[in-house]
């Protein structure tokens, strides 16, 4: 991944953040390699809204793209949360 590629998607993520488009923000920051930040967005904003609106499929596609090695303390809780999330939607 080149620096220009990362910077482009990082900038797109910031633009989406200021437009209050959390899903696009997550997509762009994921492309920029900010997996831990996207994980926090999913846990804090996207997952609760998706469950309440019963719109899990797009969130599931996003969660599958998060690299567990990039998320601090994934082994202590992130993996368990993902397993429960996958069981919930299937």
N, C-alpha and C. Protein backbone atom coordinates (compact mmCIF):
# COMPACT_ATOMS: atom_id res chain seq x y z
N UNK A 1 0.85 -1.17 0.00
CA UNK A 1 0.00 0.00 0.00
C UNK A 1 0.90 1.24 0.00
N UNK A 2 0.67 2.12 -0.93
CA UNK A 2 1.51 3.29 -1.04
C UNK A 2 1.04 4.40 -0.10
N UNK A 3 1.92 5.33 0.15
CA UNK A 3 1.59 6.45 1.03
C UNK A 3 0.48 7.29 0.41
N UNK A 4 0.54 7.53 -0.89
CA UNK A 4 -0.48 8.34 -1.56
C UNK A 4 -1.84 7.65 -1.45
N UNK A 5 -1.88 6.35 -1.62
CA UNK A 5 -3.11 5.57 -1.49
C UNK A 5 -3.69 5.75 -0.08
N UNK A 6 -2.85 5.59 0.93
CA UNK A 6 -3.29 5.75 2.32
C UNK A 6 -3.79 7.16 2.61
N UNK A 7 -3.05 8.13 2.15
CA UNK A 7 -3.45 9.52 2.39
C UNK A 7 -4.76 9.86 1.69
N UNK A 8 -4.96 9.35 0.49
CA UNK A 8 -6.21 9.60 -0.23
C UNK A 8 -7.40 9.07 0.57
N UNK A 9 -7.32 7.83 1.01
CA UNK A 9 -8.43 7.24 1.76
C UNK A 9 -8.57 7.84 3.15
N UNK A 10 -7.46 8.23 3.74
CA UNK A 10 -7.53 8.90 5.04
C UNK A 10 -8.31 10.22 4.90
N UNK A 11 -8.01 10.96 3.84
CA UNK A 11 -8.71 12.23 3.60
C UNK A 11 -10.19 11.99 3.33
N UNK A 12 -10.50 10.96 2.57
CA UNK A 12 -11.90 10.62 2.30
C UNK A 12 -12.61 10.25 3.60
N UNK A 13 -11.90 9.56 4.49
CA UNK A 13 -12.47 9.20 5.79
C UNK A 13 -12.77 10.42 6.63
N UNK A 14 -11.89 11.39 6.61
CA UNK A 14 -12.12 12.63 7.37
C UNK A 14 -13.32 13.38 6.79
N UNK A 15 -13.42 13.42 5.47
CA UNK A 15 -14.58 14.08 4.84
C UNK A 15 -15.88 13.39 5.24
N UNK A 16 -15.89 12.07 5.25
CA UNK A 16 -17.08 11.32 5.65
C UNK A 16 -17.41 11.57 7.12
N UNK A 17 -16.38 11.70 7.94
CA UNK A 17 -16.60 11.98 9.36
C UNK A 17 -17.30 13.32 9.55
N UNK A 18 -16.86 14.34 8.83
CA UNK A 18 -17.47 15.66 8.97
C UNK A 18 -18.86 15.73 8.36
N UNK A 19 -19.19 14.76 7.51
CA UNK A 19 -20.55 14.67 6.95
C UNK A 19 -21.45 13.77 7.80
N UNK A 20 -20.91 13.27 8.91
CA UNK A 20 -21.61 12.34 9.80
C UNK A 20 -22.05 11.06 9.10
N UNK A 21 -21.25 10.58 8.18
CA UNK A 21 -21.52 9.33 7.49
C UNK A 21 -20.56 8.28 8.05
N UNK A 22 -20.97 7.66 9.13
CA UNK A 22 -20.08 6.77 9.88
C UNK A 22 -19.71 5.53 9.08
N UNK A 23 -20.65 5.01 8.30
CA UNK A 23 -20.33 3.80 7.53
C UNK A 23 -19.27 4.09 6.48
N UNK A 24 -19.42 5.17 5.73
CA UNK A 24 -18.38 5.52 4.74
C UNK A 24 -17.07 5.87 5.43
N UNK A 25 -17.16 6.52 6.57
CA UNK A 25 -15.95 6.82 7.35
C UNK A 25 -15.20 5.53 7.66
N UNK A 26 -15.92 4.52 8.09
CA UNK A 26 -15.30 3.23 8.41
C UNK A 26 -14.69 2.59 7.16
N UNK A 27 -15.41 2.64 6.06
CA UNK A 27 -14.88 2.05 4.82
C UNK A 27 -13.59 2.72 4.38
N UNK A 28 -13.58 4.06 4.40
CA UNK A 28 -12.39 4.78 3.96
C UNK A 28 -11.21 4.58 4.90
N UNK A 29 -11.45 4.63 6.20
CA UNK A 29 -10.35 4.43 7.14
C UNK A 29 -9.83 2.99 7.10
N UNK A 30 -10.70 2.05 6.78
CA UNK A 30 -10.25 0.67 6.61
C UNK A 30 -9.31 0.57 5.41
N UNK A 31 -9.66 1.24 4.33
CA UNK A 31 -8.79 1.26 3.15
C UNK A 31 -7.46 1.97 3.44
N UNK A 32 -7.49 2.91 4.37
CA UNK A 32 -6.27 3.63 4.75
C UNK A 32 -5.42 2.84 5.74
N UNK A 33 -5.92 1.68 6.17
CA UNK A 33 -5.15 0.84 7.08
C UNK A 33 -5.37 1.13 8.55
N UNK A 34 -6.41 1.85 8.89
CA UNK A 34 -6.70 2.21 10.28
C UNK A 34 -7.67 1.20 10.89
N UNK A 35 -7.27 -0.04 11.02
CA UNK A 35 -8.14 -1.13 11.46
C UNK A 35 -8.63 -0.95 12.90
N UNK A 36 -7.76 -0.50 13.78
CA UNK A 36 -8.17 -0.32 15.18
C UNK A 36 -9.23 0.79 15.29
N UNK A 37 -9.06 1.85 14.54
CA UNK A 37 -10.04 2.94 14.56
C UNK A 37 -11.39 2.45 14.02
N UNK A 38 -11.35 1.67 12.94
CA UNK A 38 -12.59 1.13 12.38
C UNK A 38 -13.26 0.18 13.36
N UNK A 39 -12.46 -0.61 14.05
CA UNK A 39 -13.02 -1.51 15.06
C UNK A 39 -13.77 -0.70 16.13
N UNK A 40 -13.20 0.40 16.56
CA UNK A 40 -13.87 1.25 17.55
C UNK A 40 -15.16 1.85 16.99
N UNK A 41 -15.15 2.25 15.72
CA UNK A 41 -16.37 2.77 15.10
C UNK A 41 -17.46 1.70 15.06
N UNK A 42 -17.07 0.49 14.73
CA UNK A 42 -18.04 -0.61 14.67
C UNK A 42 -18.65 -0.84 16.05
N UNK A 43 -17.81 -0.94 17.06
CA UNK A 43 -18.30 -1.24 18.41
C UNK A 43 -19.14 -0.10 18.97
N UNK A 44 -18.69 1.14 18.77
CA UNK A 44 -19.35 2.28 19.39
C UNK A 44 -20.56 2.80 18.63
N UNK A 45 -20.55 2.72 17.31
CA UNK A 45 -21.60 3.37 16.53
C UNK A 45 -22.35 2.43 15.58
N UNK A 46 -21.62 1.72 14.77
CA UNK A 46 -22.25 0.97 13.69
C UNK A 46 -23.02 -0.26 14.16
N UNK A 47 -22.43 -1.05 15.04
CA UNK A 47 -23.08 -2.29 15.46
C UNK A 47 -24.40 -2.04 16.20
N UNK A 48 -24.43 -1.12 17.17
CA UNK A 48 -25.72 -0.89 17.84
C UNK A 48 -26.82 -0.42 16.87
N UNK A 49 -26.48 0.48 15.96
CA UNK A 49 -27.47 0.97 15.00
C UNK A 49 -27.91 -0.14 14.05
N UNK A 50 -26.98 -0.96 13.61
CA UNK A 50 -27.31 -2.04 12.68
C UNK A 50 -28.23 -3.07 13.33
N UNK A 51 -27.98 -3.38 14.58
CA UNK A 51 -28.83 -4.35 15.28
C UNK A 51 -30.23 -3.77 15.48
N UNK A 52 -30.31 -2.52 15.88
CA UNK A 52 -31.62 -1.90 16.10
C UNK A 52 -32.43 -1.78 14.81
N UNK A 53 -31.76 -1.53 13.70
CA UNK A 53 -32.45 -1.38 12.41
C UNK A 53 -32.55 -2.70 11.66
N UNK A 54 -32.03 -3.77 12.26
CA UNK A 54 -32.03 -5.11 11.64
C UNK A 54 -31.41 -5.07 10.25
N UNK A 55 -30.27 -4.40 10.16
CA UNK A 55 -29.54 -4.27 8.90
C UNK A 55 -28.09 -4.70 9.14
N UNK A 56 -27.91 -5.98 9.31
CA UNK A 56 -26.63 -6.53 9.74
C UNK A 56 -25.68 -6.84 8.58
N UNK A 57 -26.22 -7.17 7.42
CA UNK A 57 -25.38 -7.66 6.31
C UNK A 57 -24.25 -6.70 5.92
N UNK A 58 -24.50 -5.39 5.72
CA UNK A 58 -23.38 -4.51 5.36
C UNK A 58 -22.31 -4.44 6.46
N UNK A 59 -22.77 -4.46 7.70
CA UNK A 59 -21.82 -4.42 8.82
C UNK A 59 -20.98 -5.68 8.86
N UNK A 60 -21.59 -6.81 8.58
CA UNK A 60 -20.86 -8.08 8.57
C UNK A 60 -19.75 -8.05 7.53
N UNK A 61 -20.04 -7.51 6.34
CA UNK A 61 -19.02 -7.40 5.29
C UNK A 61 -17.86 -6.51 5.74
N UNK A 62 -18.18 -5.45 6.47
CA UNK A 62 -17.15 -4.54 6.98
C UNK A 62 -16.29 -5.23 8.04
N UNK A 63 -16.93 -5.93 8.96
CA UNK A 63 -16.21 -6.59 10.06
C UNK A 63 -15.26 -7.66 9.53
N UNK A 64 -15.65 -8.35 8.47
CA UNK A 64 -14.78 -9.38 7.90
C UNK A 64 -13.48 -8.80 7.35
N UNK A 65 -13.47 -7.52 7.00
CA UNK A 65 -12.27 -6.90 6.43
C UNK A 65 -11.29 -6.39 7.48
N UNK A 66 -11.71 -6.33 8.74
CA UNK A 66 -10.82 -5.84 9.79
C UNK A 66 -9.76 -6.89 10.08
N UNK A 67 -8.51 -6.46 10.07
CA UNK A 67 -7.38 -7.35 10.35
C UNK A 67 -7.19 -7.44 11.87
N UNK A 68 -7.42 -8.60 12.46
CA UNK A 68 -7.29 -8.75 13.91
C UNK A 68 -5.90 -8.39 14.44
N UNK A 69 -4.87 -8.57 13.63
CA UNK A 69 -3.51 -8.27 14.06
C UNK A 69 -3.30 -6.77 14.26
N UNK A 70 -4.15 -5.95 13.67
CA UNK A 70 -4.02 -4.50 13.77
C UNK A 70 -4.82 -3.90 14.92
N UNK A 71 -5.63 -4.73 15.61
CA UNK A 71 -6.49 -4.25 16.69
C UNK A 71 -5.88 -4.66 18.02
N UNK A 72 -5.52 -3.66 18.86
CA UNK A 72 -4.94 -4.00 20.17
C UNK A 72 -5.92 -4.80 21.03
N UNK A 73 -5.40 -5.76 21.73
CA UNK A 73 -6.16 -6.59 22.66
C UNK A 73 -7.26 -7.39 21.98
N UNK A 74 -7.12 -7.68 20.70
CA UNK A 74 -8.12 -8.45 19.98
C UNK A 74 -8.33 -9.81 20.64
N UNK A 75 -7.25 -10.42 21.07
CA UNK A 75 -7.34 -11.76 21.67
C UNK A 75 -8.11 -11.77 22.98
N UNK A 76 -8.21 -10.63 23.65
CA UNK A 76 -8.89 -10.58 24.94
C UNK A 76 -10.39 -10.36 24.83
N UNK A 77 -10.88 -9.93 23.67
CA UNK A 77 -12.32 -9.70 23.57
C UNK A 77 -12.84 -9.53 22.17
N UNK A 78 -12.03 -9.01 21.28
CA UNK A 78 -12.49 -8.76 19.91
C UNK A 78 -12.91 -10.02 19.19
N UNK A 79 -12.13 -11.07 19.35
CA UNK A 79 -12.46 -12.31 18.68
C UNK A 79 -13.75 -12.89 19.23
N UNK A 80 -13.95 -12.84 20.54
CA UNK A 80 -15.18 -13.35 21.16
C UNK A 80 -16.38 -12.56 20.66
N UNK A 81 -16.25 -11.24 20.57
CA UNK A 81 -17.35 -10.41 20.08
C UNK A 81 -17.69 -10.74 18.65
N UNK A 82 -16.70 -10.97 17.83
CA UNK A 82 -16.94 -11.31 16.43
C UNK A 82 -17.66 -12.65 16.31
N UNK A 83 -17.27 -13.62 17.11
CA UNK A 83 -17.92 -14.93 17.09
C UNK A 83 -19.39 -14.79 17.48
N UNK A 84 -19.68 -14.02 18.53
CA UNK A 84 -21.07 -13.82 18.95
C UNK A 84 -21.85 -13.07 17.88
N UNK A 85 -21.22 -12.10 17.25
CA UNK A 85 -21.87 -11.33 16.20
C UNK A 85 -22.23 -12.22 15.02
N UNK A 86 -21.29 -13.08 14.61
CA UNK A 86 -21.55 -13.98 13.49
C UNK A 86 -22.66 -14.97 13.84
N UNK A 87 -22.67 -15.46 15.04
CA UNK A 87 -23.74 -16.39 15.46
C UNK A 87 -25.09 -15.67 15.46
N UNK A 88 -25.09 -14.39 15.83
CA UNK A 88 -26.35 -13.65 15.89
C UNK A 88 -26.95 -13.48 14.51
N UNK A 89 -26.12 -13.21 13.51
CA UNK A 89 -26.66 -12.91 12.19
C UNK A 89 -26.92 -14.16 11.36
N UNK A 90 -26.41 -15.31 11.79
CA UNK A 90 -26.65 -16.52 10.99
C UNK A 90 -27.72 -17.38 11.60
